[in-house]
Protein backbone atom coordinates (compact mmCIF):
# COMPACT_ATOMS: atom_id res chain seq x y z
CA MET A 1 -116.46 -45.54 13.85
CA SER A 2 -117.90 -42.84 16.10
CA LYS A 3 -116.17 -39.50 16.58
CA LEU A 4 -114.31 -38.78 19.79
CA LYS A 5 -115.93 -36.51 22.34
CA LYS A 6 -113.86 -33.96 24.21
CA SER A 7 -114.29 -36.05 27.35
CA ASP A 8 -112.65 -39.00 25.56
CA LEU A 9 -109.43 -37.08 24.87
CA LYS A 10 -107.01 -37.97 27.65
CA ASN A 11 -104.22 -36.03 25.94
CA ASP A 12 -104.52 -32.31 26.68
CA PHE A 13 -102.08 -31.46 23.85
CA ARG A 14 -99.56 -29.69 26.04
CA ASP A 15 -96.84 -27.40 24.76
CA VAL A 16 -93.38 -28.95 24.60
CA PHE A 17 -90.34 -28.27 26.76
CA ILE A 18 -87.09 -29.73 25.39
CA GLU A 19 -84.45 -30.45 28.03
CA LYS A 20 -80.89 -29.21 27.46
CA HIS A 21 -79.31 -32.55 26.51
CA ALA A 22 -82.19 -33.56 24.25
CA PHE A 23 -82.18 -30.18 22.47
CA LYS A 24 -78.50 -30.43 21.58
CA GLU A 25 -78.97 -34.02 20.37
CA LEU A 26 -81.82 -32.94 18.08
CA VAL A 27 -79.81 -30.11 16.54
CA ALA A 28 -76.67 -32.26 16.07
CA SER A 29 -78.73 -35.07 14.54
CA ALA A 30 -80.24 -32.76 11.89
CA ILE A 31 -76.83 -31.31 10.98
CA GLU A 32 -75.08 -34.70 10.93
CA VAL A 33 -77.03 -36.24 8.01
CA TYR A 34 -77.71 -33.06 5.99
CA ASN A 35 -78.86 -32.93 3.16
CA LYS A 36 -80.88 -36.02 4.06
CA GLU A 37 -83.56 -36.46 6.74
CA THR A 38 -82.75 -37.45 10.29
CA ASN A 39 -85.29 -39.22 12.51
CA GLY A 40 -85.67 -40.92 15.86
CA LEU A 41 -87.74 -41.37 19.02
CA LEU A 42 -88.58 -39.00 21.88
CA VAL A 43 -88.74 -39.98 25.54
CA GLY A 44 -90.55 -37.81 28.08
CA TRP A 45 -93.64 -37.20 30.18
CA ASN A 46 -96.14 -34.60 31.37
CA THR A 47 -94.88 -32.24 34.07
CA PHE A 48 -94.61 -28.56 35.06
CA LYS A 49 -91.80 -26.26 33.90
CA LYS A 50 -91.07 -22.59 34.45
CA VAL A 51 -91.70 -20.93 31.08
CA LYS A 52 -91.34 -17.16 30.80
CA ARG A 53 -91.46 -16.83 34.61
CA GLU A 54 -94.62 -18.90 34.97
CA ASN A 55 -95.18 -22.53 35.90
CA LYS A 56 -96.68 -24.18 32.83
CA LYS A 57 -98.09 -27.63 32.06
CA VAL A 58 -95.83 -29.12 29.39
CA PHE A 59 -94.67 -32.37 27.86
CA SER A 60 -91.01 -32.50 28.81
CA VAL A 61 -88.67 -34.20 26.29
CA LYS A 62 -85.94 -35.82 28.39
CA ASN A 63 -84.07 -37.91 25.81
CA VAL A 64 -83.93 -38.47 22.07
CA TYR A 65 -82.79 -41.60 20.25
CA PRO A 66 -81.64 -41.06 16.65
CA LEU A 67 -82.29 -44.20 14.58
CA GLN A 68 -79.15 -45.48 12.89
CA PHE A 69 -80.38 -48.08 10.39
CA GLU A 70 -82.59 -45.85 8.25
CA LYS A 71 -82.85 -45.33 4.49
CA ARG A 72 -82.43 -41.60 4.05
CA LYS A 73 -83.21 -39.27 1.15
CA PRO A 74 -83.44 -35.46 0.93
CA SER A 75 -87.25 -35.68 1.13
CA GLU A 76 -87.89 -39.01 2.88
CA VAL A 77 -86.67 -41.32 5.62
CA VAL A 78 -87.97 -44.86 6.17
CA HIS A 79 -87.00 -47.75 8.40
CA GLY A 80 -84.17 -49.54 6.63
CA ASN A 81 -84.23 -52.33 9.19
CA VAL A 82 -87.71 -52.90 10.64
CA GLU A 83 -86.44 -55.50 13.10
CA ALA A 84 -83.87 -53.03 14.45
CA PHE A 85 -86.66 -50.49 14.93
CA LYS A 86 -88.71 -53.06 16.86
CA ARG A 87 -85.70 -53.89 19.01
CA ILE A 88 -85.13 -50.27 20.07
CA ILE A 89 -88.82 -49.95 21.01
CA LYS A 90 -88.65 -53.11 23.11
CA ALA A 91 -85.37 -52.00 24.68
CA ASN A 92 -86.95 -48.70 25.75
CA VAL A 93 -89.93 -50.56 27.20
CA SER A 94 -87.59 -52.86 29.09
CA LEU A 95 -85.70 -49.85 30.47
CA SER A 96 -89.02 -48.25 31.55
CA GLU A 97 -88.51 -45.34 29.14
CA LYS A 98 -91.72 -43.59 28.10
CA ILE A 99 -91.78 -43.14 24.34
CA GLY A 100 -93.94 -40.09 23.64
CA GLY A 101 -93.30 -39.63 19.94
CA GLY A 102 -90.57 -38.98 17.43
CA PHE A 103 -88.66 -36.38 15.44
CA HIS A 104 -87.39 -35.86 11.93
CA SER A 105 -85.94 -33.13 9.74
CA HIS A 106 -86.92 -31.50 6.45
CA PRO A 107 -83.75 -30.30 4.70
CA ALA A 108 -83.99 -27.35 2.31
CA PRO A 109 -85.55 -26.83 -0.11
CA TYR A 110 -88.76 -27.60 1.78
CA GLU A 111 -92.28 -26.39 1.01
CA GLY A 112 -93.60 -24.77 4.15
CA VAL A 113 -93.07 -25.90 7.74
CA ARG A 114 -95.59 -28.65 8.38
CA LEU A 115 -96.06 -32.41 8.52
CA SER A 116 -96.74 -34.04 5.16
CA LYS A 117 -99.29 -36.79 4.46
CA ASP A 118 -96.40 -39.26 4.26
CA ASP A 119 -95.20 -38.07 7.68
CA ILE A 120 -98.63 -38.82 9.16
CA GLU A 121 -98.72 -42.30 7.61
CA SER A 122 -95.24 -43.05 8.94
CA ILE A 123 -96.27 -41.88 12.42
CA LYS A 124 -99.36 -44.13 12.34
CA GLU A 125 -97.15 -47.12 11.49
CA ASP A 126 -94.75 -46.34 14.34
CA MET A 127 -97.65 -45.88 16.77
CA GLN A 128 -98.97 -49.29 15.74
CA GLU A 129 -95.64 -50.96 16.56
CA ILE A 130 -95.50 -49.26 19.96
CA ILE A 131 -99.08 -50.29 20.74
CA LYS A 132 -98.02 -53.91 20.17
CA THR A 133 -95.61 -53.60 23.10
CA GLY A 134 -98.53 -52.83 25.41
CA ASN A 135 -98.20 -49.03 25.42
CA LYS A 136 -101.87 -48.11 24.90
CA LYS A 137 -101.39 -44.50 26.03
CA ILE A 138 -99.67 -43.60 22.77
CA ILE A 139 -103.10 -43.96 21.08
CA ASN A 140 -104.14 -40.65 22.67
CA GLY A 141 -101.47 -38.68 20.84
CA TRP A 142 -98.00 -38.83 19.30
CA LEU A 143 -95.66 -35.84 19.61
CA GLU A 144 -93.63 -35.14 16.48
CA ILE A 145 -90.83 -32.56 16.51
CA LEU A 146 -89.91 -31.20 13.07
CA LEU A 147 -86.55 -29.58 12.32
CA SER A 148 -86.63 -27.59 9.08
CA ILE A 149 -82.96 -27.05 8.25
CA LYS A 150 -81.05 -24.93 5.73
CA LYS A 151 -77.33 -24.71 5.15
CA LYS A 152 -75.95 -21.16 5.16
CA GLU A 153 -72.72 -19.89 3.66
CA TYR A 154 -71.20 -16.66 4.96
CA LYS A 155 -68.95 -14.34 2.97
CA LYS A 156 -67.35 -13.02 6.11
CA ALA A 157 -65.33 -15.58 8.06
CA VAL A 158 -66.31 -15.47 11.74
CA GLY A 159 -65.58 -17.76 14.66
CA ARG A 160 -67.96 -20.56 15.57
CA GLU A 161 -71.13 -19.49 17.33
CA TRP A 162 -74.79 -20.32 17.87
CA TYR A 163 -77.88 -18.57 19.14
CA ILE A 164 -81.65 -19.03 19.40
CA CYS A 165 -84.65 -16.88 18.46
CA ASP A 166 -88.08 -17.22 20.07
CA TYR A 167 -91.11 -17.26 17.74
CA VAL A 168 -94.79 -17.43 18.76
CA LYS A 169 -94.83 -21.25 18.73
CA LYS A 170 -91.57 -22.19 17.02
CA LEU A 171 -87.90 -21.85 17.90
CA ARG A 172 -85.21 -20.81 15.44
CA CYS A 173 -81.66 -21.93 16.05
CA TYR A 174 -78.58 -20.69 14.19
CA VAL A 175 -75.44 -22.79 14.48
CA ARG A 176 -72.11 -21.91 12.85
CA THR A 177 -69.92 -25.02 12.57
CA GLU A 178 -67.13 -23.56 10.42
CA LYS A 179 -65.87 -20.05 9.68
CA ASN A 180 -67.99 -19.75 6.54
CA ILE A 181 -70.70 -22.39 7.11
CA GLY A 182 -73.71 -22.40 9.42
CA TRP A 183 -77.17 -23.89 9.82
CA ASP A 184 -80.59 -22.29 10.10
CA ILE A 185 -82.92 -24.68 11.97
CA LEU A 186 -86.60 -23.92 12.57
CA ILE A 187 -88.07 -26.21 15.26
CA SER A 188 -91.80 -26.89 15.48
CA ALA A 189 -93.90 -29.45 17.37
CA TYR A 190 -97.16 -31.23 16.56
CA TRP A 191 -99.50 -33.63 18.31
CA VAL A 192 -100.80 -36.28 15.91
CA TYR A 193 -103.96 -37.90 17.28
CA PRO A 194 -106.89 -40.11 16.21
CA LYS A 195 -110.11 -38.27 15.39
CA GLN A 196 -112.08 -41.46 15.98
CA LYS A 197 -112.30 -44.07 18.70
CA VAL A 198 -109.72 -46.80 18.23
CA LYS A 199 -110.94 -50.37 18.55
CA ASN A 200 -108.55 -53.08 19.76
CA GLY A 201 -105.54 -50.85 19.12
CA ASN A 202 -106.00 -51.06 15.34
CA LEU A 203 -105.12 -47.78 13.58
CA GLN A 204 -105.42 -49.01 10.00
CA ASN A 205 -108.59 -47.15 8.99
CA VAL A 206 -108.45 -44.39 11.59
CA LYS A 207 -108.36 -40.73 10.50
CA PHE A 208 -105.85 -38.52 12.28
CA GLY A 209 -105.73 -34.85 13.22
CA VAL A 210 -102.71 -32.61 13.75
CA LYS A 211 -102.36 -29.82 16.33
CA GLU A 212 -99.34 -27.54 16.45
CA VAL A 213 -98.15 -26.54 19.94
CA GLY A 214 -95.48 -24.24 21.35
CA VAL A 215 -91.83 -25.24 21.77
CA TYR A 216 -89.75 -24.09 24.75
CA ILE A 217 -86.24 -24.74 26.06
CA ASP A 218 -84.06 -23.83 29.00
CA TRP A 219 -82.36 -20.67 27.75
CA VAL A 220 -79.31 -21.38 29.87
CA LEU A 221 -77.79 -23.95 27.51
């Protein structure tokens, strides 16, 4: 297979803007299944958003769909019901929803904040299923949002609260769900893309690259 030229890359690997509803769903999903991994699909499209007082080209995440029939472990999540996964893809296609990628969590203790080799292989398999529905655009790049989550215990009992910190590319979200218990969630985003031309939609022997991009939200949540 020949290597892709820059002119062949239709995906410009935009930074990510997570809409208010989708952001809260992501955070709740990671907390819900702790200390196991959550996962699901992202729906969105390319657009412009005001980021730090400037109009910026972004991929806007409009909705997220947590997958309910998964086999979950502290360091792995796989499709527990492949047919159910296929049905949700087809349902989204039927509803004209644009699947742009997926999300999952890495509960503590995790080694670094990055996608693992197993994550990449899982993404390739999901891309292949989506390609079968006729969505060829997904070949140009899959957006994966990673939520690295730790449980925190506080000695001092304080009322429930949550706040967000802005990193260079990542977001950090602190959520207190009980007087002495909270959650530290570091959110990062990656485009996973083929480094070679894909023939006939077959990704089996294709090598993939990963590019981290910035994550933004509407600060008025």
